[in-house]
Amino acid sequence: MRSQSAVLTILLLIAASPLAQPRSTDEEAIRALIARQNKGEEMASTSDLILWTGALKRPFVRPGTPEEVPGPTQPAARVPGSQRVTVSPVRIEVAKSGDLAYEFSGLMLSFDTKAGQHVSFPGSVLRVWRKEGTAWKVAAAFMHPHNEEGAASTR
């Protein structure tokens, strides 16, 4: 009888651990949005989005105009429609309130330049998600390449 209660206690502890918990509906919704982004769909964002990427000189707050870092791989020098982003979530945490979440992910960015180069590089992304009504939207995002200078490798 004692060994049965010990086994039951262990099973209850395992079931209560964060690793054993199923993903929340909200986390699954965010993962689905990321999967759609990986297929080329535009990511929904809030009207006051804060964005900072390796392509911008400083954080950009919508509805302002971002200032690009000059160079051959700046967004203005890219072939329209050639950009592909693949995001691989590492961690997504939804606040107990259910209206905010954060995501840390790896990413692979690739695009063609108007000068005829194909550019591809890995990076990381940290995003803050805000729920508006029933829809999750990106409220803030920081994306940066993994290399020191932020210069992309070209092939």
N, C-alpha and C. Protein backbone atom coordinates (compact mmCIF):
# COMPACT_ATOMS: atom_id res chain seq x y z
N MET A 1 0.82 -1.19 0.00
CA MET A 1 0.00 0.00 0.00
C MET A 1 0.86 1.26 0.00
N ARG A 2 1.94 1.22 0.76
CA ARG A 2 2.83 2.37 0.83
C ARG A 2 3.49 2.64 -0.51
N SER A 3 3.91 1.60 -1.22
CA SER A 3 4.56 1.78 -2.53
C SER A 3 3.56 2.31 -3.55
N GLN A 4 2.29 1.91 -3.42
CA GLN A 4 1.28 2.44 -4.34
C GLN A 4 1.08 3.93 -4.14
N SER A 5 1.10 4.39 -2.90
CA SER A 5 0.92 5.82 -2.65
C SER A 5 2.15 6.60 -3.11
N ALA A 6 3.33 6.01 -2.99
CA ALA A 6 4.55 6.66 -3.48
C ALA A 6 4.50 6.79 -5.00
N VAL A 7 4.06 5.74 -5.68
CA VAL A 7 3.94 5.77 -7.13
C VAL A 7 2.90 6.80 -7.55
N LEU A 8 1.79 6.84 -6.84
CA LEU A 8 0.74 7.81 -7.13
C LEU A 8 1.25 9.24 -6.93
N THR A 9 2.00 9.47 -5.87
CA THR A 9 2.58 10.80 -5.61
C THR A 9 3.52 11.20 -6.73
N ILE A 10 4.38 10.29 -7.18
CA ILE A 10 5.32 10.57 -8.28
C ILE A 10 4.56 10.89 -9.56
N LEU A 11 3.53 10.12 -9.86
CA LEU A 11 2.74 10.38 -11.07
C LEU A 11 2.06 11.73 -11.00
N LEU A 12 1.55 12.11 -9.83
CA LEU A 12 0.92 13.42 -9.68
C LEU A 12 1.92 14.54 -9.85
N LEU A 13 3.14 14.36 -9.33
CA LEU A 13 4.18 15.37 -9.49
C LEU A 13 4.57 15.53 -10.96
N ILE A 14 4.69 14.43 -11.66
CA ILE A 14 5.04 14.48 -13.09
C ILE A 14 3.93 15.18 -13.86
N ALA A 15 2.69 14.85 -13.58
CA ALA A 15 1.56 15.45 -14.29
C ALA A 15 1.47 16.95 -14.01
N ALA A 16 1.90 17.37 -12.82
CA ALA A 16 1.83 18.78 -12.47
C ALA A 16 3.02 19.59 -12.97
N SER A 17 4.07 18.92 -13.45
CA SER A 17 5.26 19.66 -13.89
C SER A 17 4.96 20.42 -15.18
N PRO A 18 5.65 21.56 -15.38
CA PRO A 18 5.42 22.35 -16.59
C PRO A 18 5.71 21.58 -17.86
N LEU A 19 6.66 20.66 -17.82
CA LEU A 19 7.00 19.89 -19.01
C LEU A 19 5.89 18.95 -19.44
N ALA A 20 5.08 18.51 -18.48
CA ALA A 20 4.02 17.57 -18.79
C ALA A 20 2.72 18.26 -19.18
N GLN A 21 2.64 19.56 -18.97
CA GLN A 21 1.41 20.28 -19.25
C GLN A 21 1.19 20.46 -20.75
N PRO A 22 -0.02 20.28 -21.20
CA PRO A 22 -0.30 20.55 -22.62
C PRO A 22 -0.19 22.05 -22.87
N ARG A 23 0.08 22.40 -24.10
CA ARG A 23 0.15 23.81 -24.48
C ARG A 23 -1.23 24.43 -24.35
N SER A 24 -1.24 25.70 -23.96
CA SER A 24 -2.51 26.40 -23.85
C SER A 24 -3.08 26.68 -25.24
N THR A 25 -4.34 26.96 -25.27
CA THR A 25 -5.00 27.31 -26.53
C THR A 25 -4.36 28.56 -27.12
N ASP A 26 -4.02 29.53 -26.25
CA ASP A 26 -3.39 30.76 -26.73
C ASP A 26 -2.01 30.49 -27.32
N GLU A 27 -1.23 29.66 -26.66
CA GLU A 27 0.10 29.33 -27.21
C GLU A 27 -0.05 28.63 -28.56
N GLU A 28 -1.00 27.73 -28.66
CA GLU A 28 -1.24 27.05 -29.93
C GLU A 28 -1.65 28.05 -31.02
N ALA A 29 -2.45 29.06 -30.65
CA ALA A 29 -2.87 30.07 -31.62
C ALA A 29 -1.66 30.86 -32.13
N ILE A 30 -0.75 31.21 -31.22
CA ILE A 30 0.46 31.94 -31.62
C ILE A 30 1.34 31.07 -32.50
N ARG A 31 1.50 29.81 -32.14
CA ARG A 31 2.30 28.88 -32.97
C ARG A 31 1.69 28.75 -34.37
N ALA A 32 0.38 28.73 -34.45
CA ALA A 32 -0.30 28.64 -35.76
C ALA A 32 -0.02 29.89 -36.59
N LEU A 33 -0.01 31.07 -35.95
CA LEU A 33 0.31 32.31 -36.67
C LEU A 33 1.75 32.30 -37.18
N ILE A 34 2.66 31.77 -36.37
CA ILE A 34 4.06 31.67 -36.79
C ILE A 34 4.18 30.70 -37.97
N ALA A 35 3.46 29.59 -37.92
CA ALA A 35 3.49 28.63 -39.03
C ALA A 35 2.96 29.26 -40.31
N ARG A 36 1.93 30.08 -40.19
CA ARG A 36 1.39 30.78 -41.37
C ARG A 36 2.40 31.79 -41.91
N GLN A 37 3.12 32.47 -41.00
CA GLN A 37 4.18 33.39 -41.43
C GLN A 37 5.26 32.63 -42.20
N ASN A 38 5.60 31.45 -41.72
CA ASN A 38 6.61 30.63 -42.39
C ASN A 38 6.18 30.22 -43.80
N LYS A 39 4.88 30.24 -44.05
CA LYS A 39 4.36 29.91 -45.39
C LYS A 39 4.20 31.16 -46.25
N GLY A 40 4.63 32.32 -45.71
CA GLY A 40 4.61 33.54 -46.51
C GLY A 40 3.50 34.52 -46.20
N GLU A 41 2.63 34.19 -45.24
CA GLU A 41 1.55 35.12 -44.90
C GLU A 41 2.09 36.28 -44.07
N GLU A 42 1.46 37.42 -44.22
CA GLU A 42 1.82 38.61 -43.45
C GLU A 42 1.44 38.41 -41.99
N MET A 43 2.31 38.82 -41.08
CA MET A 43 2.06 38.71 -39.65
C MET A 43 1.21 39.89 -39.20
N ALA A 44 0.12 39.63 -38.50
CA ALA A 44 -0.73 40.70 -37.97
C ALA A 44 0.01 41.42 -36.85
N SER A 45 -0.08 42.75 -36.84
CA SER A 45 0.58 43.53 -35.79
C SER A 45 -0.35 44.65 -35.32
N THR A 46 -0.04 45.17 -34.15
CA THR A 46 -0.84 46.24 -33.58
C THR A 46 -0.56 47.55 -34.32
N SER A 47 -1.46 48.51 -34.17
CA SER A 47 -1.31 49.80 -34.85
C SER A 47 -0.17 50.63 -34.28
N ASP A 48 0.32 50.26 -33.07
CA ASP A 48 1.42 50.98 -32.44
C ASP A 48 2.67 50.09 -32.30
N LEU A 49 2.87 49.23 -33.28
CA LEU A 49 3.99 48.28 -33.28
C LEU A 49 5.33 48.97 -33.04
N ILE A 50 6.17 48.35 -32.21
CA ILE A 50 7.55 48.78 -32.01
C ILE A 50 8.41 47.71 -32.67
N LEU A 51 9.28 48.12 -33.59
CA LEU A 51 10.09 47.17 -34.37
C LEU A 51 11.54 47.63 -34.42
N TRP A 52 12.44 46.66 -34.21
CA TRP A 52 13.86 46.94 -34.39
C TRP A 52 14.50 45.71 -34.99
N THR A 53 15.08 45.88 -36.15
CA THR A 53 15.78 44.79 -36.83
C THR A 53 17.19 45.25 -37.16
N GLY A 54 18.01 44.32 -37.62
CA GLY A 54 19.36 44.66 -38.05
C GLY A 54 19.37 45.60 -39.24
N ALA A 55 18.25 45.76 -39.91
CA ALA A 55 18.17 46.63 -41.09
C ALA A 55 17.80 48.07 -40.73
N LEU A 56 17.48 48.33 -39.45
CA LEU A 56 17.07 49.67 -39.03
C LEU A 56 18.09 50.29 -38.09
N LYS A 57 18.29 51.61 -38.22
CA LYS A 57 19.26 52.31 -37.38
C LYS A 57 18.83 52.36 -35.92
N ARG A 58 17.54 52.45 -35.68
CA ARG A 58 17.02 52.56 -34.32
C ARG A 58 15.61 51.97 -34.30
N PRO A 59 15.07 51.73 -33.10
CA PRO A 59 13.71 51.20 -33.05
C PRO A 59 12.73 52.13 -33.77
N PHE A 60 11.76 51.52 -34.38
CA PHE A 60 10.75 52.23 -35.16
C PHE A 60 9.41 52.00 -34.47
N VAL A 61 8.67 53.08 -34.25
CA VAL A 61 7.35 52.98 -33.63
C VAL A 61 6.33 53.43 -34.66
N ARG A 62 5.40 52.54 -34.98
CA ARG A 62 4.35 52.86 -35.93
C ARG A 62 3.46 53.94 -35.35
N PRO A 63 3.06 54.91 -36.07
CA PRO A 63 3.02 55.04 -37.51
C PRO A 63 4.19 55.83 -38.09
N GLY A 64 5.35 55.86 -37.45
CA GLY A 64 6.50 56.59 -37.96
C GLY A 64 7.11 55.93 -39.17
N THR A 65 8.22 56.49 -39.64
CA THR A 65 8.93 55.97 -40.79
C THR A 65 10.26 55.40 -40.33
N PRO A 66 10.55 54.13 -40.61
CA PRO A 66 11.82 53.54 -40.17
C PRO A 66 13.00 54.11 -40.97
N GLU A 67 14.16 54.23 -40.30
CA GLU A 67 15.37 54.68 -40.96
C GLU A 67 16.27 53.46 -41.17
N GLU A 68 16.50 53.11 -42.44
CA GLU A 68 17.28 51.92 -42.78
C GLU A 68 18.77 52.15 -42.61
N VAL A 69 19.48 51.08 -42.27
CA VAL A 69 20.94 51.10 -42.27
C VAL A 69 21.36 51.07 -43.74
N PRO A 70 22.21 52.02 -44.19
CA PRO A 70 22.59 52.02 -45.60
C PRO A 70 23.41 50.78 -45.95
N GLY A 71 23.31 50.36 -47.17
CA GLY A 71 24.10 49.24 -47.64
C GLY A 71 23.39 48.44 -48.71
N PRO A 72 24.10 47.48 -49.31
CA PRO A 72 23.55 46.73 -50.43
C PRO A 72 22.45 45.75 -50.05
N THR A 73 22.28 45.47 -48.74
CA THR A 73 21.23 44.53 -48.33
C THR A 73 20.08 45.21 -47.60
N GLN A 74 20.06 46.55 -47.60
CA GLN A 74 18.96 47.25 -46.94
C GLN A 74 17.65 46.91 -47.62
N PRO A 75 16.54 46.99 -46.91
CA PRO A 75 15.25 46.62 -47.50
C PRO A 75 14.94 47.29 -48.83
N ALA A 76 15.33 48.54 -49.02
CA ALA A 76 15.06 49.23 -50.29
C ALA A 76 15.82 48.62 -51.47
N ALA A 77 16.92 47.89 -51.18
CA ALA A 77 17.73 47.28 -52.23
C ALA A 77 17.34 45.84 -52.51
N ARG A 78 16.29 45.35 -51.88
CA ARG A 78 15.87 43.96 -52.05
C ARG A 78 14.83 43.86 -53.16
N VAL A 79 14.83 42.72 -53.82
CA VAL A 79 13.83 42.45 -54.85
C VAL A 79 12.49 42.26 -54.15
N PRO A 80 11.49 43.06 -54.50
CA PRO A 80 10.18 42.92 -53.85
C PRO A 80 9.64 41.49 -54.00
N GLY A 81 9.13 40.97 -52.90
CA GLY A 81 8.54 39.63 -52.91
C GLY A 81 9.54 38.49 -52.78
N SER A 82 10.85 38.79 -52.71
CA SER A 82 11.84 37.71 -52.64
C SER A 82 12.17 37.31 -51.20
N GLN A 83 11.76 38.10 -50.23
CA GLN A 83 12.12 37.82 -48.84
C GLN A 83 11.36 36.62 -48.30
N ARG A 84 12.10 35.73 -47.63
CA ARG A 84 11.53 34.56 -46.97
C ARG A 84 12.06 34.52 -45.54
N VAL A 85 11.16 34.31 -44.60
CA VAL A 85 11.53 34.20 -43.20
C VAL A 85 11.00 32.88 -42.68
N THR A 86 11.87 32.12 -42.03
CA THR A 86 11.44 30.89 -41.37
C THR A 86 11.75 31.05 -39.89
N VAL A 87 10.72 30.99 -39.08
CA VAL A 87 10.84 31.19 -37.64
C VAL A 87 10.64 29.85 -36.94
N SER A 88 11.55 29.56 -36.00
CA SER A 88 11.48 28.32 -35.22
C SER A 88 11.37 28.67 -33.74
N PRO A 89 10.15 28.62 -33.19
CA PRO A 89 9.98 29.01 -31.78
C PRO A 89 10.80 28.14 -30.83
N VAL A 90 11.42 28.82 -29.87
CA VAL A 90 12.15 28.14 -28.80
C VAL A 90 11.31 28.16 -27.53
N ARG A 91 10.68 29.31 -27.29
CA ARG A 91 9.86 29.44 -26.08
C ARG A 91 8.75 30.45 -26.32
N ILE A 92 7.56 30.10 -25.89
CA ILE A 92 6.42 31.00 -25.92
C ILE A 92 5.78 30.94 -24.53
N GLU A 93 5.63 32.10 -23.91
CA GLU A 93 5.00 32.18 -22.59
C GLU A 93 3.81 33.12 -22.66
N VAL A 94 2.67 32.65 -22.24
CA VAL A 94 1.45 33.46 -22.21
C VAL A 94 1.21 33.89 -20.77
N ALA A 95 0.96 35.18 -20.56
CA ALA A 95 0.70 35.72 -19.23
C ALA A 95 -0.58 35.11 -18.66
N LYS A 96 -0.63 35.02 -17.35
CA LYS A 96 -1.82 34.48 -16.69
C LYS A 96 -3.07 35.29 -17.05
N SER A 97 -2.88 36.59 -17.33
CA SER A 97 -4.02 37.44 -17.71
C SER A 97 -4.60 37.02 -19.06
N GLY A 98 -3.80 36.32 -19.88
CA GLY A 98 -4.28 35.83 -21.17
C GLY A 98 -4.30 36.86 -22.28
N ASP A 99 -3.79 38.07 -22.03
CA ASP A 99 -3.83 39.10 -23.07
C ASP A 99 -2.44 39.51 -23.57
N LEU A 100 -1.37 38.99 -22.98
CA LEU A 100 0.00 39.26 -23.41
C LEU A 100 0.79 37.97 -23.45
N ALA A 101 1.78 37.93 -24.32
CA ALA A 101 2.67 36.78 -24.39
C ALA A 101 4.01 37.26 -24.94
N TYR A 102 5.05 36.46 -24.71
CA TYR A 102 6.31 36.73 -25.37
C TYR A 102 6.79 35.45 -26.05
N GLU A 103 7.59 35.66 -27.06
CA GLU A 103 8.11 34.54 -27.87
C GLU A 103 9.58 34.80 -28.13
N PHE A 104 10.40 33.77 -27.94
CA PHE A 104 11.80 33.82 -28.36
C PHE A 104 11.96 32.73 -29.40
N SER A 105 12.52 33.09 -30.55
CA SER A 105 12.64 32.14 -31.66
C SER A 105 13.96 32.33 -32.40
N GLY A 106 14.37 31.28 -33.08
CA GLY A 106 15.43 31.39 -34.06
C GLY A 106 14.78 31.71 -35.40
N LEU A 107 15.55 32.31 -36.30
CA LEU A 107 14.98 32.58 -37.61
C LEU A 107 16.04 32.43 -38.68
N MET A 108 15.59 32.22 -39.89
CA MET A 108 16.43 32.21 -41.08
C MET A 108 15.79 33.19 -42.04
N LEU A 109 16.56 34.18 -42.46
CA LEU A 109 16.08 35.20 -43.38
C LEU A 109 16.84 35.08 -44.68
N SER A 110 16.12 35.13 -45.78
CA SER A 110 16.77 35.12 -47.09
C SER A 110 16.02 36.05 -48.04
N PHE A 111 16.76 36.62 -48.99
CA PHE A 111 16.17 37.51 -49.99
C PHE A 111 17.16 37.69 -51.13
N ASP A 112 16.66 38.22 -52.22
CA ASP A 112 17.50 38.56 -53.37
C ASP A 112 17.65 40.08 -53.41
N THR A 113 18.83 40.54 -53.81
CA THR A 113 19.03 41.98 -53.95
C THR A 113 18.86 42.37 -55.40
N LYS A 114 18.60 43.65 -55.62
CA LYS A 114 18.45 44.16 -56.98
C LYS A 114 19.77 44.08 -57.75
N ALA A 115 20.89 43.92 -57.00
CA ALA A 115 22.21 43.78 -57.63
C ALA A 115 22.47 42.34 -58.07
N GLY A 116 21.50 41.44 -57.83
CA GLY A 116 21.63 40.06 -58.29
C GLY A 116 22.21 39.09 -57.28
N GLN A 117 22.36 39.47 -56.03
CA GLN A 117 22.88 38.57 -55.00
C GLN A 117 21.73 37.89 -54.27
N HIS A 118 21.99 36.65 -53.83
CA HIS A 118 21.06 35.98 -52.91
C HIS A 118 21.70 36.06 -51.54
N VAL A 119 20.95 36.56 -50.55
CA VAL A 119 21.46 36.75 -49.20
C VAL A 119 20.66 35.86 -48.26
N SER A 120 21.37 35.22 -47.32
CA SER A 120 20.72 34.33 -46.37
C SER A 120 21.52 34.35 -45.07
N PHE A 121 20.83 34.45 -43.94
CA PHE A 121 21.53 34.41 -42.66
C PHE A 121 20.58 34.04 -41.53
N PRO A 122 21.14 33.43 -40.46
CA PRO A 122 20.34 33.11 -39.28
C PRO A 122 20.27 34.30 -38.34
N GLY A 123 19.27 34.30 -37.48
CA GLY A 123 19.13 35.34 -36.49
C GLY A 123 18.23 34.88 -35.37
N SER A 124 17.90 35.81 -34.50
CA SER A 124 17.00 35.55 -33.38
C SER A 124 15.92 36.61 -33.36
N VAL A 125 14.79 36.25 -32.81
CA VAL A 125 13.68 37.21 -32.69
C VAL A 125 13.07 37.10 -31.30
N LEU A 126 12.79 38.24 -30.72
CA LEU A 126 12.06 38.33 -29.46
C LEU A 126 10.83 39.19 -29.75
N ARG A 127 9.65 38.60 -29.56
CA ARG A 127 8.42 39.34 -29.87
C ARG A 127 7.51 39.37 -28.65
N VAL A 128 6.80 40.48 -28.52
CA VAL A 128 5.75 40.62 -27.53
C VAL A 128 4.44 40.57 -28.30
N TRP A 129 3.54 39.71 -27.86
CA TRP A 129 2.23 39.54 -28.49
C TRP A 129 1.17 40.16 -27.60
N ARG A 130 0.17 40.80 -28.22
CA ARG A 130 -0.96 41.36 -27.48
C ARG A 130 -2.24 40.85 -28.12
N LYS A 131 -3.16 40.43 -27.26
CA LYS A 131 -4.43 39.92 -27.75
C LYS A 131 -5.41 41.09 -27.86
N GLU A 132 -5.92 41.29 -29.08
CA GLU A 132 -6.93 42.32 -29.33
C GLU A 132 -8.21 41.60 -29.71
N GLY A 133 -9.19 41.65 -28.81
CA GLY A 133 -10.40 40.86 -29.01
C GLY A 133 -10.02 39.39 -28.88
N THR A 134 -10.19 38.64 -29.96
CA THR A 134 -9.80 37.22 -29.94
C THR A 134 -8.54 36.97 -30.78
N ALA A 135 -7.96 38.04 -31.36
CA ALA A 135 -6.83 37.88 -32.27
C ALA A 135 -5.51 38.27 -31.59
N TRP A 136 -4.50 37.41 -31.76
CA TRP A 136 -3.15 37.70 -31.29
C TRP A 136 -2.43 38.51 -32.36
N LYS A 137 -1.77 39.61 -31.92
CA LYS A 137 -1.02 40.46 -32.84
C LYS A 137 0.34 40.78 -32.23
N VAL A 138 1.33 41.00 -33.09
CA VAL A 138 2.66 41.37 -32.62
C VAL A 138 2.62 42.85 -32.19
N ALA A 139 3.01 43.12 -30.94
CA ALA A 139 3.03 44.49 -30.41
C ALA A 139 4.45 45.07 -30.44
N ALA A 140 5.45 44.20 -30.32
CA ALA A 140 6.85 44.64 -30.36
C ALA A 140 7.70 43.48 -30.84
N ALA A 141 8.75 43.80 -31.62
CA ALA A 141 9.63 42.76 -32.13
C ALA A 141 11.06 43.29 -32.23
N PHE A 142 12.00 42.49 -31.77
CA PHE A 142 13.41 42.78 -31.90
C PHE A 142 14.01 41.60 -32.66
N MET A 143 14.58 41.87 -33.81
CA MET A 143 15.19 40.81 -34.64
C MET A 143 16.62 41.21 -34.96
N HIS A 144 17.53 40.27 -34.83
CA HIS A 144 18.92 40.59 -35.09
C HIS A 144 19.64 39.38 -35.67
N PRO A 145 20.55 39.61 -36.63
CA PRO A 145 21.33 38.51 -37.19
C PRO A 145 22.30 37.97 -36.14
N HIS A 146 22.72 36.73 -36.30
CA HIS A 146 23.64 36.12 -35.34
C HIS A 146 25.07 36.60 -35.49
N ASN A 147 25.45 37.11 -36.66
CA ASN A 147 26.83 37.54 -36.82
C ASN A 147 27.06 38.90 -36.17
N GLU A 148 28.30 39.17 -35.80
CA GLU A 148 28.67 40.36 -35.04
C GLU A 148 28.29 41.68 -35.71
N GLU A 149 28.67 41.87 -36.96
CA GLU A 149 28.47 43.15 -37.61
C GLU A 149 27.06 43.34 -38.11
N GLY A 150 26.28 42.28 -38.20
CA GLY A 150 24.95 42.39 -38.76
C GLY A 150 24.95 42.30 -40.27
N ALA A 151 26.13 42.05 -40.86
CA ALA A 151 26.21 41.90 -42.31
C ALA A 151 25.82 40.49 -42.69
N ALA A 152 25.07 40.39 -43.73
CA ALA A 152 24.58 39.09 -44.18
C ALA A 152 25.63 38.39 -45.03
N SER A 153 25.58 37.07 -45.03
CA SER A 153 26.44 36.32 -45.93
C SER A 153 25.74 36.23 -47.28
N THR A 154 26.50 36.35 -48.33
CA THR A 154 25.91 36.29 -49.66
C THR A 154 26.42 35.06 -50.39
N ARG A 155 25.60 34.58 -51.29
CA ARG A 155 26.00 33.42 -52.10
C ARG A 155 25.77 33.72 -53.54
